[in-house]
């Protein structure tokens, strides 16, 4: 399996990407990684890359900044690391693509170069949130801020397939994020989506509120990209805040030693964004993973791992088979 990785994407590029790649190779023996980026920037890491053996480099001459417009870079940054990665994917020279760069640019180049799966008008970003018994996949978390009700139905089916394939959950429960549990709650989008989801080929559990997200009441949550992105950023901030509060409390009551115990390590691990690695862009023709801009080597390693799971479990092909006919 070969995964293309945008070496210029993260805030700490290319350090996080190179170190994360090496860590991923140590874990997965059949994995090859193609680093796409500026050869000069990658120069200081050449010995480490050569030592790893299963890493190759494809040069790109442009870098897309985090605040650049997706529509603009489609025209002006065709030699960027993101653009080159999509070309490799399109030409089947890689099986998946991972980037911690500009999310809008990744989505735009994915749609422009790879194309949408037949039957999918708007791709969606799916992110994993921790729950007491595992995880919940939430989509969309930022690809489409103004969807139609039918798009949420497509998100639900794609999310169901993702959770079945990657996390091996039988008959995943799908919930619609809303302002109340009762049918008829919410705006027009939510009300119409509820009716469509009720007859969709999924195990629909109805409306769920924000307080339900972490309570293991659903395996898949669907919402619009505007709400989902706020939810994602809030979750990241809340996780960091909880950890800081715990640390300050430990100092005050002198029970820092408890942080070395497994129960606290497991708790802290569940709140760490690095564990998930990134969000998967569902609805395009190949597996694409978008990681956080501040991704560490560990986050990059886990993003590569998520990409490999998506390839091995045939997530994209399963979506094509169900929705592309």
Protein backbone atom coordinates (compact mmCIF):
# COMPACT_ATOMS: atom_id res chain seq x y z
CA UNK A 1 0.00 0.00 0.00
CA UNK A 2 1.28 3.45 -0.90
CA UNK A 3 0.06 6.67 0.72
CA UNK A 4 0.90 10.15 -0.55
CA UNK A 5 1.57 12.67 2.21
CA UNK A 6 1.63 16.45 1.88
CA UNK A 7 5.02 17.22 3.46
CA UNK A 8 4.33 20.97 3.58
CA UNK A 9 0.95 20.96 5.28
CA UNK A 10 1.29 21.26 9.05
CA UNK A 11 2.44 24.24 11.10
CA UNK A 12 5.60 22.27 11.88
CA UNK A 13 6.17 21.02 8.31
CA UNK A 14 8.08 19.09 7.24
CA UNK A 15 9.28 17.90 10.68
CA UNK A 16 5.93 16.45 11.79
CA UNK A 17 5.37 14.81 8.42
CA UNK A 18 8.79 13.15 8.22
CA UNK A 19 8.84 11.95 11.83
CA UNK A 20 5.22 10.83 11.60
CA UNK A 21 5.97 8.89 8.43
CA UNK A 22 8.88 7.06 10.02
CA UNK A 23 6.73 6.16 13.03
CA UNK A 24 3.96 4.86 10.75
CA UNK A 25 6.39 2.66 8.83
CA UNK A 26 7.58 1.10 12.07
CA UNK A 27 3.99 0.09 12.81
CA UNK A 28 2.89 -1.09 9.37
CA UNK A 29 5.22 -3.38 7.45
CA UNK A 30 3.46 -3.19 4.08
CA UNK A 31 3.22 0.59 3.96
CA UNK A 32 5.07 2.90 1.56
CA UNK A 33 4.93 6.68 1.83
CA UNK A 34 5.42 9.32 -0.84
CA UNK A 35 6.39 12.68 0.66
CA UNK A 36 5.36 15.57 -1.58
CA UNK A 37 7.10 18.87 -1.00
CA UNK A 38 10.02 21.18 -1.44
CA UNK A 39 13.25 19.17 -1.73
CA UNK A 40 15.26 21.94 -0.09
CA UNK A 41 12.98 21.90 2.96
CA UNK A 42 13.22 18.10 3.10
CA UNK A 43 17.01 18.16 2.68
CA UNK A 44 17.91 18.11 6.41
CA UNK A 45 15.87 14.91 6.78
CA UNK A 46 17.39 13.06 3.84
CA UNK A 47 19.45 10.64 5.95
CA UNK A 48 16.44 9.72 8.06
CA UNK A 49 14.32 9.28 4.93
CA UNK A 50 16.93 7.06 3.28
CA UNK A 51 17.30 5.01 6.46
CA UNK A 52 13.54 4.42 6.56
CA UNK A 53 13.81 2.86 3.04
CA UNK A 54 10.08 2.90 2.26
CA UNK A 55 9.81 6.66 1.84
CA UNK A 56 10.17 8.37 -1.52
CA UNK A 57 10.00 12.06 -2.44
CA UNK A 58 8.05 13.83 -5.18
CA UNK A 59 9.03 17.46 -5.57
CA UNK A 60 6.52 20.29 -5.61
CA UNK A 61 7.46 23.95 -5.96
CA UNK A 62 4.49 25.66 -4.35
CA UNK A 63 2.95 25.70 -0.87
CA UNK A 64 -0.66 26.61 -0.11
CA UNK A 65 -1.08 28.82 2.95
CA UNK A 66 -3.79 28.20 5.53
CA UNK A 67 -5.65 31.39 4.68
CA UNK A 68 -5.57 31.16 0.89
CA UNK A 69 -8.84 30.92 -1.01
CA UNK A 70 -9.64 27.43 -2.39
CA UNK A 71 -11.02 28.87 -5.64
CA UNK A 72 -7.90 30.98 -6.08
CA UNK A 73 -5.38 28.20 -5.46
CA UNK A 74 -7.15 25.93 -7.94
CA UNK A 75 -5.94 28.36 -10.60
CA UNK A 76 -2.62 29.54 -9.18
CA UNK A 77 -1.16 26.65 -7.13
CA UNK A 78 -1.24 23.74 -9.57
CA UNK A 79 2.33 22.79 -8.61
CA UNK A 80 1.59 22.71 -4.89
CA UNK A 81 2.07 19.70 -2.64
CA UNK A 82 -1.71 19.28 -2.38
CA UNK A 83 -2.26 19.47 -6.13
CA UNK A 84 0.59 17.03 -6.84
CA UNK A 85 -0.77 14.59 -4.27
CA UNK A 86 -4.16 14.55 -5.95
CA UNK A 87 -2.54 13.86 -9.32
CA UNK A 88 -0.69 10.86 -7.86
CA UNK A 89 -3.97 9.60 -6.45
CA UNK A 90 -5.81 10.14 -9.71
CA UNK A 91 -3.12 8.25 -11.62
CA UNK A 92 -3.25 5.36 -9.09
CA UNK A 93 0.37 6.01 -8.10
CA UNK A 94 -0.89 6.23 -4.53
CA UNK A 95 -3.80 4.58 -2.74
CA UNK A 96 -4.68 7.48 -0.43
CA UNK A 97 -3.69 11.07 0.33
CA UNK A 98 -3.07 12.76 3.70
CA UNK A 99 -2.61 16.49 4.35
CA UNK A 100 -2.47 18.72 7.42
CA UNK A 101 -2.76 21.75 5.16
CA UNK A 102 -5.54 24.08 4.07
CA UNK A 103 -8.79 22.11 4.45
CA UNK A 104 -10.67 24.06 1.80
CA UNK A 105 -7.84 23.58 -0.68
CA UNK A 106 -7.71 19.83 -0.02
CA UNK A 107 -11.47 19.56 -0.56
CA UNK A 108 -11.35 21.72 -3.70
CA UNK A 109 -8.50 19.79 -5.33
CA UNK A 110 -10.12 16.49 -4.31
CA UNK A 111 -13.33 17.40 -6.10
CA UNK A 112 -11.59 19.00 -9.09
CA UNK A 113 -8.97 16.29 -9.66
CA UNK A 114 -10.54 13.10 -8.31
CA UNK A 115 -14.19 13.91 -8.80
CA UNK A 116 -17.21 13.06 -6.69
CA UNK A 117 -18.62 9.59 -6.38
CA UNK A 118 -21.71 9.24 -8.57
CA UNK A 119 -24.76 10.09 -6.48
CA UNK A 120 -22.84 12.40 -4.12
CA UNK A 121 -23.40 16.10 -4.80
CA UNK A 122 -21.50 17.36 -1.74
CA UNK A 123 -18.66 15.43 -0.03
CA UNK A 124 -18.44 15.60 3.76
CA UNK A 125 -15.66 15.60 6.33
CA UNK A 126 -16.10 12.96 9.01
CA UNK A 127 -14.34 13.33 12.37
CA UNK A 128 -14.17 10.96 15.30
CA UNK A 129 -15.24 12.02 18.80
CA UNK A 130 -14.60 9.87 21.89
CA UNK A 131 -17.45 8.28 23.86
CA UNK A 132 -17.40 6.19 27.07
CA UNK A 133 -17.62 2.98 25.04
CA UNK A 134 -15.69 3.88 21.90
CA UNK A 135 -16.25 6.60 19.34
CA UNK A 136 -18.82 8.44 17.25
CA UNK A 137 -18.28 9.62 13.68
CA UNK A 138 -19.62 13.12 13.08
CA UNK A 139 -20.12 14.57 9.60
CA UNK A 140 -20.01 17.11 8.14
CA UNK A 141 -17.39 19.03 10.14
CA UNK A 142 -16.53 21.66 7.56
CA UNK A 143 -16.70 20.65 3.89
CA UNK A 144 -20.18 22.03 3.17
CA UNK A 145 -21.67 24.75 5.35
CA UNK A 146 -24.98 25.02 3.48
CA UNK A 147 -26.26 21.53 2.60
CA UNK A 148 -29.68 20.41 1.43
CA UNK A 149 -31.69 17.79 3.37
CA UNK A 150 -30.81 15.07 0.83
CA UNK A 151 -27.13 15.75 1.41
CA UNK A 152 -27.53 14.86 5.10
CA UNK A 153 -29.06 11.55 4.01
CA UNK A 154 -26.00 10.86 1.86
CA UNK A 155 -23.78 11.77 4.83
CA UNK A 156 -25.67 9.30 6.98
CA UNK A 157 -25.22 6.43 4.54
CA UNK A 158 -21.52 7.22 3.98
CA UNK A 159 -21.01 7.48 7.73
CA UNK A 160 -22.75 4.16 8.30
CA UNK A 161 -20.48 2.48 5.75
CA UNK A 162 -17.36 4.07 7.28
CA UNK A 163 -18.23 2.91 10.80
CA UNK A 164 -19.18 -0.57 9.62
CA UNK A 165 -15.97 -1.00 7.65
CA UNK A 166 -13.32 0.72 9.76
CA UNK A 167 -14.69 0.34 13.30
CA UNK A 168 -16.58 -2.93 12.70
CA UNK A 169 -19.85 -1.77 14.25
CA UNK A 170 -22.86 -3.81 13.17
CA UNK A 171 -25.93 -1.72 12.30
CA UNK A 172 -24.51 1.65 13.38
CA UNK A 173 -27.00 3.99 15.03
CA UNK A 174 -27.40 7.28 13.16
CA UNK A 175 -28.60 10.46 14.85
CA UNK A 176 -29.43 13.94 13.53
CA UNK A 177 -27.90 16.77 15.57
CA UNK A 178 -30.71 19.11 16.55
CA UNK A 179 -31.96 21.51 19.25
CA UNK A 180 -34.33 18.95 20.75
CA UNK A 181 -35.22 15.25 20.65
CA UNK A 182 -38.79 15.63 19.47
CA UNK A 183 -39.79 15.24 15.82
CA UNK A 184 -40.49 18.64 14.29
CA UNK A 185 -37.72 20.41 16.20
CA UNK A 186 -35.17 22.63 14.51
CA UNK A 187 -35.05 24.65 11.32
CA UNK A 188 -36.40 23.68 7.92
CA UNK A 189 -33.21 21.78 7.03
CA UNK A 190 -33.43 19.66 10.18
CA UNK A 191 -37.16 18.97 9.81
CA UNK A 192 -36.90 17.90 6.18
CA UNK A 193 -33.76 15.87 6.84
CA UNK A 194 -35.51 14.08 9.71
CA UNK A 195 -38.29 12.93 7.40
CA UNK A 196 -35.84 11.69 4.77
CA UNK A 197 -33.58 9.96 7.29
CA UNK A 198 -36.56 8.12 8.74
CA UNK A 199 -36.94 6.17 5.50
CA UNK A 200 -33.25 5.89 4.58
CA UNK A 201 -31.33 2.55 4.62
CA UNK A 202 -29.87 3.25 8.05
CA UNK A 203 -30.69 2.61 11.71
CA UNK A 204 -32.00 6.09 12.44
CA UNK A 205 -32.38 6.88 16.14
CA UNK A 206 -33.88 10.33 15.63
CA UNK A 207 -32.78 13.73 16.85
CA UNK A 208 -29.96 14.06 19.34
CA UNK A 209 -28.88 17.16 21.23
CA UNK A 210 -25.38 18.50 21.74
CA UNK A 211 -25.30 17.00 25.23
CA UNK A 212 -25.82 13.54 23.69
CA UNK A 213 -22.72 13.61 21.50
CA UNK A 214 -20.41 12.07 24.11
CA UNK A 215 -23.03 9.81 25.71
CA UNK A 216 -22.85 6.85 23.33
CA UNK A 217 -26.38 7.27 21.98
CA UNK A 218 -25.26 7.10 18.32
CA UNK A 219 -22.39 5.75 16.24
CA UNK A 220 -22.85 8.34 13.48
CA UNK A 221 -24.05 11.94 13.84
CA UNK A 222 -25.02 14.04 10.83
CA UNK A 223 -25.19 17.83 10.68
CA UNK A 224 -24.33 20.72 8.39
CA UNK A 225 -20.67 21.69 7.99
CA UNK A 226 -21.08 25.03 9.78
CA UNK A 227 -22.48 23.46 12.96
CA UNK A 228 -20.15 20.48 12.70
CA UNK A 229 -17.04 22.63 12.43
CA UNK A 230 -18.02 24.69 15.47
CA UNK A 231 -18.67 21.44 17.33
CA UNK A 232 -15.27 20.08 16.30
CA UNK A 233 -13.39 23.20 17.41
CA UNK A 234 -15.38 23.37 20.65
CA UNK A 235 -14.57 19.73 21.38
CA UNK A 236 -10.87 20.32 20.81
CA UNK A 237 -10.89 23.36 23.08
CA UNK A 238 -12.92 21.62 25.76
CA UNK A 239 -10.57 18.63 25.76
CA UNK A 240 -7.57 20.90 26.26
CA UNK A 241 -9.39 22.86 28.98
CA UNK A 242 -10.31 19.70 30.90
CA UNK A 243 -6.70 18.52 30.85
CA UNK A 244 -5.45 21.89 32.10
CA UNK A 245 -8.04 21.95 34.89
CA UNK A 246 -6.98 18.45 35.94
CA UNK A 247 -3.32 19.45 36.01
CA UNK A 248 -4.03 22.56 38.08
CA UNK A 249 -6.21 20.56 40.47
CA UNK A 250 -3.45 17.98 40.83
CA UNK A 251 -0.99 20.69 41.81
CA UNK A 252 -3.40 22.15 44.35
CA UNK A 253 -4.20 18.86 46.06
CA UNK A 254 -0.81 17.23 45.58
CA UNK A 255 -2.02 14.11 43.83
CA UNK A 256 0.16 14.51 40.75
CA UNK A 257 1.34 10.91 41.16
CA UNK A 258 -2.13 9.76 40.16
CA UNK A 259 -1.44 11.03 36.65
CA UNK A 260 0.99 8.13 36.25
CA UNK A 261 -1.78 5.60 36.86
CA UNK A 262 -3.47 3.85 33.96
CA UNK A 263 -6.93 5.28 34.64
CA UNK A 264 -5.70 8.84 34.18
CA UNK A 265 -3.56 7.95 31.19
CA UNK A 266 -6.58 6.38 29.50
CA UNK A 267 -8.73 9.40 30.31
CA UNK A 268 -6.19 11.86 28.94
CA UNK A 269 -5.67 9.71 25.84
CA UNK A 270 -9.39 9.81 25.08
CA UNK A 271 -9.31 13.62 24.92
CA UNK A 272 -6.21 13.88 22.74
CA UNK A 273 -6.90 14.96 19.13
CA UNK A 274 -3.68 13.20 18.07
CA UNK A 275 -5.32 9.82 18.61
CA UNK A 276 -7.77 10.21 15.72
CA UNK A 277 -5.15 11.67 13.39
CA UNK A 278 -7.55 13.47 11.11
CA UNK A 279 -10.94 13.63 9.38
CA UNK A 280 -11.84 11.62 6.31
CA UNK A 281 -13.32 13.32 3.24
CA UNK A 282 -16.17 11.04 2.21
CA UNK A 283 -17.80 11.32 -1.19
CA UNK A 284 -14.74 11.75 -3.43
CA UNK A 285 -13.35 9.03 -5.66
CA UNK A 286 -10.33 8.09 -3.50
CA UNK A 287 -9.49 8.07 0.24
CA UNK A 288 -8.44 11.54 1.45
CA UNK A 289 -7.56 12.41 5.06
CA UNK A 290 -7.37 15.98 6.39
CA UNK A 291 -5.36 16.49 9.59
CA UNK A 292 -5.20 19.42 11.96
CA UNK A 293 -2.80 22.22 11.06
CA UNK A 294 -1.01 21.84 14.37
CA UNK A 295 -0.51 18.10 13.85
CA UNK A 296 2.38 16.52 15.73
CA UNK A 297 4.33 13.51 14.43
CA UNK A 298 1.97 11.28 16.39
CA UNK A 299 -1.09 12.86 14.77
CA UNK A 300 0.45 12.39 11.31
CA UNK A 301 1.24 8.77 12.13
CA UNK A 302 -2.38 8.15 13.11
CA UNK A 303 -3.68 10.01 10.05
CA UNK A 304 -1.63 7.66 7.89
CA UNK A 305 -3.03 4.77 9.87
CA UNK A 306 -6.61 5.99 9.27
CA UNK A 307 -5.84 6.27 5.56
CA UNK A 308 -4.52 2.70 5.49
CA UNK A 309 -7.67 1.45 7.26
CA UNK A 310 -9.87 3.21 4.71
CA UNK A 311 -7.94 1.57 1.87
CA UNK A 312 -7.83 -1.91 3.39
CA UNK A 313 -11.50 -1.92 4.34
CA UNK A 314 -12.60 -0.64 0.93
CA UNK A 315 -14.59 2.32 2.27
CA UNK A 316 -14.68 4.26 -1.01
CA UNK A 317 -15.61 1.21 -3.08
CA UNK A 318 -18.39 0.34 -0.64
CA UNK A 319 -19.82 3.87 -0.93
CA UNK A 320 -19.63 3.62 -4.73
CA UNK A 321 -21.45 0.29 -4.71
CA UNK A 322 -24.29 1.59 -2.53
CA UNK A 323 -24.72 5.18 -3.65
CA UNK A 324 -23.11 5.25 -7.08
CA UNK A 325 -25.60 3.03 -8.86
